[in-house]
Amino acid sequence: MFHWLMKRLLIFFLQLFFCLSSYSASAVFHKKPADFHEGIVVLHSGDTIHCKLRFTRKVSEGLIQVLKSDHVEILTVKHVHAFSYRDERKKQTRTFYNITITPELSTRKHEVFLELMYANNNFLILNHRTLGYSEKSIQINPFRQRVVVEKHYLFDKRGGHSLPLSRENMLQMLEGQKEEIVSYLETAGLKFRSVDDFINVLDYHQSLH
């Protein structure tokens, strides 16, 4: 009887811990959005809107709230090709593109707003901030905690497709100059431990043209 009771208590506390962890991660992720910013929205139709906006991740793909005179209009990936705004807190202009990816914790591809980190004539590096699992967590642990993670993607403007940012995927997209790129990697000693390493490779690839 005692062992049965202890087992039931253990299961109860594990379930309670899991629920609280999930709630905590969601609370951080869905925190109150910042104030409205001066920005520009480019619609799929090609029309451009100059407005006050704020970006929120209340849904996984993100959505835009546009301030009107008497109400707030909601724009989603179904309406918007790209948008940007001036973030006074970070003292920078932030740009987002509507890109089709298979997001973290998803089994299908769909459109998502990704933030631009780097751009040249042929490639973009973009970031998706979302709920997921830390790379340090044990994969087989059923009680591992979901946290806010950042996943990077490489977008090929020539073919209009994207892949998760990795050494293998980058070499695949740079197949035409693979020998030159591999030689450069050996000379530069890049280990792909940061986004800057990928940017250095793309800058070098750009210089070959």
C-alpha atoms as a PDB file:
ATOM      1  CA  MET A   1       0.000   0.000   0.000  1.00  0.00           C
ATOM      2  CA  PHE A   2       2.791   2.405   0.937  1.00  0.00           C
ATOM      3  CA  HIS A   3       4.704   1.803  -2.305  1.00  0.00           C
ATOM      4  CA  TRP A   4       1.530   2.238  -4.363  1.00  0.00           C
ATOM      5  CA  LEU A   5       0.806   5.577  -2.639  1.00  0.00           C
ATOM      6  CA  MET A   6       4.366   6.824  -3.179  1.00  0.00           C
ATOM      7  CA  LYS A   7       4.154   5.883  -6.863  1.00  0.00           C
ATOM      8  CA  ARG A   8       0.886   7.805  -7.293  1.00  0.00           C
ATOM      9  CA  LEU A   9       2.351  10.851  -5.535  1.00  0.00           C
ATOM     10  CA  LEU A  10       5.429  10.756  -7.778  1.00  0.00           C
ATOM     11  CA  ILE A  11       3.267  10.655 -10.920  1.00  0.00           C
ATOM     12  CA  PHE A  12       1.158  13.547  -9.598  1.00  0.00           C
ATOM     13  CA  PHE A  13       4.162  15.767  -8.894  1.00  0.00           C
ATOM     14  CA  LEU A  14       5.736  14.996 -12.278  1.00  0.00           C
ATOM     15  CA  GLN A  15       2.509  15.951 -14.038  1.00  0.00           C
ATOM     16  CA  LEU A  16       2.268  19.126 -11.962  1.00  0.00           C
ATOM     17  CA  PHE A  17       5.875  20.054 -12.787  1.00  0.00           C
ATOM     18  CA  PHE A  18       5.259  19.517 -16.523  1.00  0.00           C
ATOM     19  CA  CYS A  19       2.130  21.701 -16.504  1.00  0.00           C
ATOM     20  CA  LEU A  20       3.845  24.515 -14.608  1.00  0.00           C
ATOM     21  CA  SER A  21       6.879  24.367 -16.913  1.00  0.00           C
ATOM     22  CA  SER A  22       4.712  24.614 -20.027  1.00  0.00           C
ATOM     23  CA  TYR A  23       2.774  27.512 -18.533  1.00  0.00           C
ATOM     24  CA  SER A  24       5.989  29.327 -17.603  1.00  0.00           C
ATOM     25  CA  ALA A  25       7.422  29.017 -21.110  1.00  0.00           C
ATOM     26  CA  SER A  26       4.157  30.197 -22.670  1.00  0.00           C
ATOM     27  CA  ALA A  27       3.978  33.163 -20.314  1.00  0.00           C
ATOM     28  CA  VAL A  28       7.462  34.293 -21.320  1.00  0.00           C
ATOM     29  CA  PHE A  29       6.779  33.762 -25.003  1.00  0.00           C
ATOM     30  CA  HIS A  30       3.425  35.563 -24.999  1.00  0.00           C
ATOM     31  CA  LYS A  31       4.510  38.500 -22.888  1.00  0.00           C
ATOM     32  CA  LYS A  32       2.872  41.862 -23.506  1.00  0.00           C
ATOM     33  CA  PRO A  33       3.978  43.278 -26.895  1.00  0.00           C
ATOM     34  CA  ALA A  34       5.958  46.483 -27.188  1.00  0.00           C
ATOM     35  CA  ASP A  35       4.471  49.851 -28.167  1.00  0.00           C
ATOM     36  CA  PHE A  36       3.562  50.647 -31.743  1.00  0.00           C
ATOM     37  CA  HIS A  37       6.416  51.614 -34.070  1.00  0.00           C
ATOM     38  CA  GLU A  38       6.652  53.592 -37.274  1.00  0.00           C
ATOM     39  CA  GLY A  39       6.879  50.996 -40.020  1.00  0.00           C
ATOM     40  CA  ILE A  40       6.229  49.847 -43.569  1.00  0.00           C
ATOM     41  CA  VAL A  41       4.150  46.846 -44.642  1.00  0.00           C
ATOM     42  CA  VAL A  42       4.398  45.317 -48.136  1.00  0.00           C
ATOM     43  CA  LEU A  43       1.289  43.330 -49.063  1.00  0.00           C
ATOM     44  CA  HIS A  44       1.197  40.321 -51.389  1.00  0.00           C
ATOM     45  CA  SER A  45      -0.582  42.574 -53.880  1.00  0.00           C
ATOM     46  CA  GLY A  46       2.505  44.799 -54.025  1.00  0.00           C
ATOM     47  CA  ASP A  47       0.833  47.696 -52.222  1.00  0.00           C
ATOM     48  CA  THR A  48       2.908  49.423 -49.535  1.00  0.00           C
ATOM     49  CA  ILE A  49       1.436  50.765 -46.301  1.00  0.00           C
ATOM     50  CA  HIS A  50       3.211  53.335 -44.105  1.00  0.00           C
ATOM     51  CA  CYS A  51       1.736  52.936 -40.632  1.00  0.00           C
ATOM     52  CA  LYS A  52       2.180  52.465 -36.916  1.00  0.00           C
ATOM     53  CA  LEU A  53       2.526  48.759 -36.188  1.00  0.00           C
ATOM     54  CA  ARG A  54       3.637  46.211 -33.692  1.00  0.00           C
ATOM     55  CA  PHE A  55       4.638  42.611 -34.245  1.00  0.00           C
ATOM     56  CA  THR A  56       3.509  39.884 -31.894  1.00  0.00           C
ATOM     57  CA  ARG A  57       4.031  36.121 -31.738  1.00  0.00           C
ATOM     58  CA  LYS A  58       0.686  35.245 -30.182  1.00  0.00           C
ATOM     59  CA  VAL A  59       0.492  32.698 -32.981  1.00  0.00           C
ATOM     60  CA  SER A  60       3.518  30.671 -34.068  1.00  0.00           C
ATOM     61  CA  GLU A  61       3.821  32.316 -37.498  1.00  0.00           C
ATOM     62  CA  GLY A  62       3.486  35.811 -36.013  1.00  0.00           C
ATOM     63  CA  LEU A  63       1.008  38.566 -36.800  1.00  0.00           C
ATOM     64  CA  ILE A  64       1.019  42.337 -37.251  1.00  0.00           C
ATOM     65  CA  GLN A  65      -1.222  44.822 -35.461  1.00  0.00           C
ATOM     66  CA  VAL A  66      -1.717  48.035 -37.449  1.00  0.00           C
ATOM     67  CA  LEU A  67      -2.954  51.104 -35.548  1.00  0.00           C
ATOM     68  CA  LYS A  68      -5.885  52.832 -37.235  1.00  0.00           C
ATOM     69  CA  SER A  69      -7.682  55.993 -36.115  1.00  0.00           C
ATOM     70  CA  ASP A  70     -10.467  54.071 -34.369  1.00  0.00           C
ATOM     71  CA  HIS A  71      -9.335  50.447 -34.206  1.00  0.00           C
ATOM     72  CA  VAL A  72      -6.436  48.006 -34.572  1.00  0.00           C
ATOM     73  CA  GLU A  73      -6.296  45.974 -37.789  1.00  0.00           C
ATOM     74  CA  ILE A  74      -4.750  42.481 -37.765  1.00  0.00           C
ATOM     75  CA  LEU A  75      -2.569  41.375 -40.695  1.00  0.00           C
ATOM     76  CA  THR A  76      -1.202  37.842 -41.051  1.00  0.00           C
ATOM     77  CA  VAL A  77       1.043  35.852 -43.381  1.00  0.00           C
ATOM     78  CA  LYS A  78      -1.978  35.553 -45.692  1.00  0.00           C
ATOM     79  CA  HIS A  79      -1.805  39.308 -46.347  1.00  0.00           C
ATOM     80  CA  VAL A  80       1.831  40.381 -45.939  1.00  0.00           C
ATOM     81  CA  HIS A  81       4.941  39.718 -48.022  1.00  0.00           C
ATOM     82  CA  ALA A  82       7.348  41.682 -45.803  1.00  0.00           C
ATOM     83  CA  PHE A  83       7.434  44.458 -43.224  1.00  0.00           C
ATOM     84  CA  SER A  84       9.919  46.549 -41.282  1.00  0.00           C
ATOM     85  CA  TYR A  85       9.863  48.985 -38.392  1.00  0.00           C
ATOM     86  CA  ARG A  86      12.193  51.152 -36.352  1.00  0.00           C
ATOM     87  CA  ASP A  87      12.877  49.607 -32.946  1.00  0.00           C
ATOM     88  CA  GLU A  88      13.892  52.596 -30.824  1.00  0.00           C
ATOM     89  CA  ARG A  89      14.735  50.419 -27.840  1.00  0.00           C
ATOM     90  CA  LYS A  90      17.323  48.481 -29.856  1.00  0.00           C
ATOM     91  CA  LYS A  91      18.195  51.526 -32.016  1.00  0.00           C
ATOM     92  CA  GLN A  92      17.835  49.550 -35.221  1.00  0.00           C
ATOM     93  CA  THR A  93      15.475  48.889 -38.110  1.00  0.00           C
ATOM     94  CA  ARG A  94      14.085  45.362 -37.999  1.00  0.00           C
ATOM     95  CA  THR A  95      12.917  43.644 -41.188  1.00  0.00           C
ATOM     96  CA  PHE A  96      10.788  40.511 -41.527  1.00  0.00           C
ATOM     97  CA  TYR A  97       9.994  38.355 -44.557  1.00  0.00           C
ATOM     98  CA  ASN A  98       7.205  35.881 -45.171  1.00  0.00           C
ATOM     99  CA  ILE A  99       9.080  32.603 -45.789  1.00  0.00           C
ATOM    100  CA  THR A 100       7.788  29.029 -46.084  1.00  0.00           C
ATOM    101  CA  ILE A 101       9.547  26.674 -43.633  1.00  0.00           C
ATOM    102  CA  THR A 102       8.818  23.660 -41.445  1.00  0.00           C
ATOM    103  CA  PRO A 103       8.869  25.364 -38.030  1.00  0.00           C
ATOM    104  CA  GLU A 104      10.054  23.871 -34.774  1.00  0.00           C
ATOM    105  CA  LEU A 105       7.501  21.404 -33.308  1.00  0.00           C
ATOM    106  CA  SER A 106       5.623  21.294 -36.638  1.00  0.00           C
ATOM    107  CA  THR A 107       5.275  18.455 -39.136  1.00  0.00           C
ATOM    108  CA  ARG A 108       4.336  20.499 -42.209  1.00  0.00           C
ATOM    109  CA  LYS A 109       5.609  23.506 -44.120  1.00  0.00           C
ATOM    110  CA  HIS A 110       3.780  26.801 -43.872  1.00  0.00           C
ATOM    111  CA  GLU A 111       4.398  30.536 -44.103  1.00  0.00           C
ATOM    112  CA  VAL A 112       6.115  32.229 -41.162  1.00  0.00           C
ATOM    113  CA  PHE A 113       7.452  35.726 -40.497  1.00  0.00           C
ATOM    114  CA  LEU A 114      11.247  35.425 -40.123  1.00  0.00           C
ATOM    115  CA  GLU A 115      13.529  38.254 -39.072  1.00  0.00           C
ATOM    116  CA  LEU A 116      16.333  39.253 -41.441  1.00  0.00           C
ATOM    117  CA  MET A 117      19.854  38.864 -40.054  1.00  0.00           C
ATOM    118  CA  TYR A 118      21.938  39.052 -43.250  1.00  0.00           C
ATOM    119  CA  ALA A 119      21.381  39.635 -46.971  1.00  0.00           C
ATOM    120  CA  ASN A 120      23.440  39.692 -50.158  1.00  0.00           C
ATOM    121  CA  ASN A 121      22.496  39.431 -53.827  1.00  0.00           C
ATOM    122  CA  ASN A 122      21.635  35.731 -53.651  1.00  0.00           C
ATOM    123  CA  PHE A 123      21.036  34.678 -50.038  1.00  0.00           C
ATOM    124  CA  LEU A 124      19.308  35.662 -46.813  1.00  0.00           C
ATOM    125  CA  ILE A 125      19.935  34.441 -43.286  1.00  0.00           C
ATOM    126  CA  LEU A 126      16.787  34.693 -41.202  1.00  0.00           C
ATOM    127  CA  ASN A 127      15.795  33.978 -37.616  1.00  0.00           C
ATOM    128  CA  HIS A 128      12.643  32.407 -36.200  1.00  0.00           C
ATOM    129  CA  ARG A 129      12.001  32.988 -32.500  1.00  0.00           C
ATOM    130  CA  THR A 130       9.539  30.403 -31.244  1.00  0.00           C
ATOM    131  CA  LEU A 131       8.767  27.804 -28.605  1.00  0.00           C
ATOM    132  CA  GLY A 132      10.843  24.650 -28.847  1.00  0.00           C
ATOM    133  CA  TYR A 133      13.283  22.431 -26.999  1.00  0.00           C
ATOM    134  CA  SER A 134      16.785  23.387 -25.992  1.00  0.00           C
ATOM    135  CA  GLU A 135      19.559  21.477 -27.771  1.00  0.00           C
ATOM    136  CA  LYS A 136      20.904  20.655 -24.309  1.00  0.00           C
ATOM    137  CA  SER A 137      17.742  18.826 -23.250  1.00  0.00           C
ATOM    138  CA  ILE A 138      17.618  15.039 -23.391  1.00  0.00           C
ATOM    139  CA  GLN A 139      15.640  14.020 -26.489  1.00  0.00           C
ATOM    140  CA  ILE A 140      13.994  10.954 -24.889  1.00  0.00           C
ATOM    141  CA  ASN A 141      12.851  12.862 -21.790  1.00  0.00           C
ATOM    142  CA  PRO A 142       9.006  13.099 -21.994  1.00  0.00           C
ATOM    143  CA  PHE A 143       9.000  15.870 -19.369  1.00  0.00           C
ATOM    144  CA  ARG A 144      11.557  18.156 -21.013  1.00  0.00           C
ATOM    145  CA  GLN A 145      10.585  21.794 -20.826  1.00  0.00           C
ATOM    146  CA  ARG A 146       9.620  23.905 -23.819  1.00  0.00           C
ATOM    147  CA  VAL A 147      11.517  27.183 -23.911  1.00  0.00           C
ATOM    148  CA  VAL A 148      11.909  30.162 -26.245  1.00  0.00           C
ATOM    149  CA  VAL A 149      14.482  29.200 -28.899  1.00  0.00           C
ATOM    150  CA  GLU A 150      15.928  30.855 -31.984  1.00  0.00           C
ATOM    151  CA  LYS A 151      16.248  28.833 -35.186  1.00  0.00           C
ATOM    152  CA  HIS A 152      18.136  30.165 -38.201  1.00  0.00           C
ATOM    153  CA  TYR A 153      17.328  29.539 -41.866  1.00  0.00           C
ATOM    154  CA  LEU A 154      19.159  30.051 -45.143  1.00  0.00           C
ATOM    155  CA  PHE A 155      17.021  31.359 -48.014  1.00  0.00           C
ATOM    156  CA  ASP A 156      18.135  31.118 -51.649  1.00  0.00           C
ATOM    157  CA  LYS A 157      16.646  34.070 -53.529  1.00  0.00           C
ATOM    158  CA  ARG A 158      17.548  32.483 -56.873  1.00  0.00           C
ATOM    159  CA  GLY A 159      15.381  29.415 -56.339  1.00  0.00           C
ATOM    160  CA  GLY A 160      13.010  30.838 -53.752  1.00  0.00           C
ATOM    161  CA  HIS A 161      13.505  28.059 -51.203  1.00  0.00           C
ATOM    162  CA  SER A 162      14.831  27.817 -47.663  1.00  0.00           C
ATOM    163  CA  LEU A 163      16.656  25.291 -45.477  1.00  0.00           C
ATOM    164  CA  PRO A 164      17.678  25.229 -41.807  1.00  0.00           C
ATOM    165  CA  LEU A 165      21.064  26.911 -41.422  1.00  0.00           C
ATOM    166  CA  SER A 166      23.765  24.235 -41.323  1.00  0.00           C
ATOM    167  CA  ARG A 167      27.119  23.492 -42.944  1.00  0.00           C
ATOM    168  CA  GLU A 168      25.625  20.735 -45.092  1.00  0.00           C
ATOM    169  CA  ASN A 169      22.683  22.822 -46.290  1.00  0.00           C
ATOM    170  CA  MET A 170      24.921  25.777 -47.094  1.00  0.00           C
ATOM    171  CA  LEU A 171      27.293  23.636 -49.188  1.00  0.00           C
ATOM    172  CA  GLN A 172      24.254  22.193 -50.961  1.00  0.00           C
ATOM    173  CA  MET A 173      23.076  25.688 -51.927  1.00  0.00           C
ATOM    174  CA  LEU A 174      26.610  26.681 -52.998  1.00  0.00           C
ATOM    175  CA  GLU A 175      27.084  23.519 -55.074  1.00  0.00           C
ATOM    176  CA  GLY A 176      28.343  25.453 -58.119  1.00  0.00           C
ATOM    177  CA  GLN A 177      31.405  26.720 -56.227  1.00  0.00           C
ATOM    178  CA  LYS A 178      31.710  23.863 -53.715  1.00  0.00           C
ATOM    179  CA  GLU A 179      35.437  23.250 -54.326  1.00  0.00           C
ATOM    180  CA  GLU A 180      36.311  26.922 -53.822  1.00  0.00           C
ATOM    181  CA  ILE A 181      34.143  27.103 -50.707  1.00  0.00           C
ATOM    182  CA  VAL A 182      35.632  23.966 -49.136  1.00  0.00           C
ATOM    183  CA  SER A 183      39.149  25.305 -49.804  1.00  0.00           C
ATOM    184  CA  TYR A 184      38.178  28.600 -48.178  1.00  0.00           C
ATOM    185  CA  LEU A 185      36.797  26.788 -45.128  1.00  0.00           C
ATOM    186  CA  GLU A 186      40.044  24.869 -44.674  1.00  0.00           C
ATOM    187  CA  THR A 187      42.120  28.041 -45.007  1.00  0.00           C
ATOM    188  CA  ALA A 188      39.927  30.157 -42.726  1.00  0.00           C
ATOM    189  CA  GLY A 189      39.435  27.360 -40.186  1.00  0.00           C
ATOM    190  CA  LEU A 190      35.725  28.097 -39.780  1.00  0.00           C
ATOM    191  CA  LYS A 191      33.903  25.767 -37.384  1.00  0.00           C
ATOM    192  CA  PHE A 192      30.340  27.083 -37.915  1.00  0.00           C
ATOM    193  CA  ARG A 193      29.898  27.754 -34.238  1.00  0.00           C
ATOM    194  CA  SER A 194      28.136  31.078 -34.848  1.00  0.00           C
ATOM    195  CA  VAL A 195      26.059  32.849 -37.484  1.00  0.00           C
ATOM    196  CA  ASP A 196      29.092  35.037 -38.225  1.00  0.00           C
ATOM    197  CA  ASP A 197      30.899  31.990 -39.667  1.00  0.00           C
ATOM    198  CA  PHE A 198      28.077  31.466 -42.155  1.00  0.00           C
ATOM    199  CA  ILE A 199      28.089  35.166 -43.026  1.00  0.00           C
ATOM    200  CA  ASN A 200      31.832  35.006 -43.754  1.00  0.00           C
ATOM    201  CA  VAL A 201      31.244  32.114 -46.173  1.00  0.00           C
ATOM    202  CA  LEU A 202      28.426  33.948 -47.963  1.00  0.00           C
ATOM    203  CA  ASP A 203      30.555  37.100 -48.236  1.00  0.00           C
ATOM    204  CA  TYR A 204      33.359  35.021 -49.765  1.00  0.00           C
ATOM    205  CA  HIS A 205      30.899  33.343 -52.162  1.00  0.00           C
ATOM    206  CA  GLN A 206      29.654  36.781 -53.210  1.00  0.00           C
ATOM    207  CA  SER A 207      33.226  37.868 -53.959  1.00  0.00           C
ATOM    208  CA  LEU A 208      33.613  35.016 -56.476  1.00  0.00           C
ATOM    209  CA  HIS A 209      31.063  36.615 -58.817  1.00  0.00           C
END
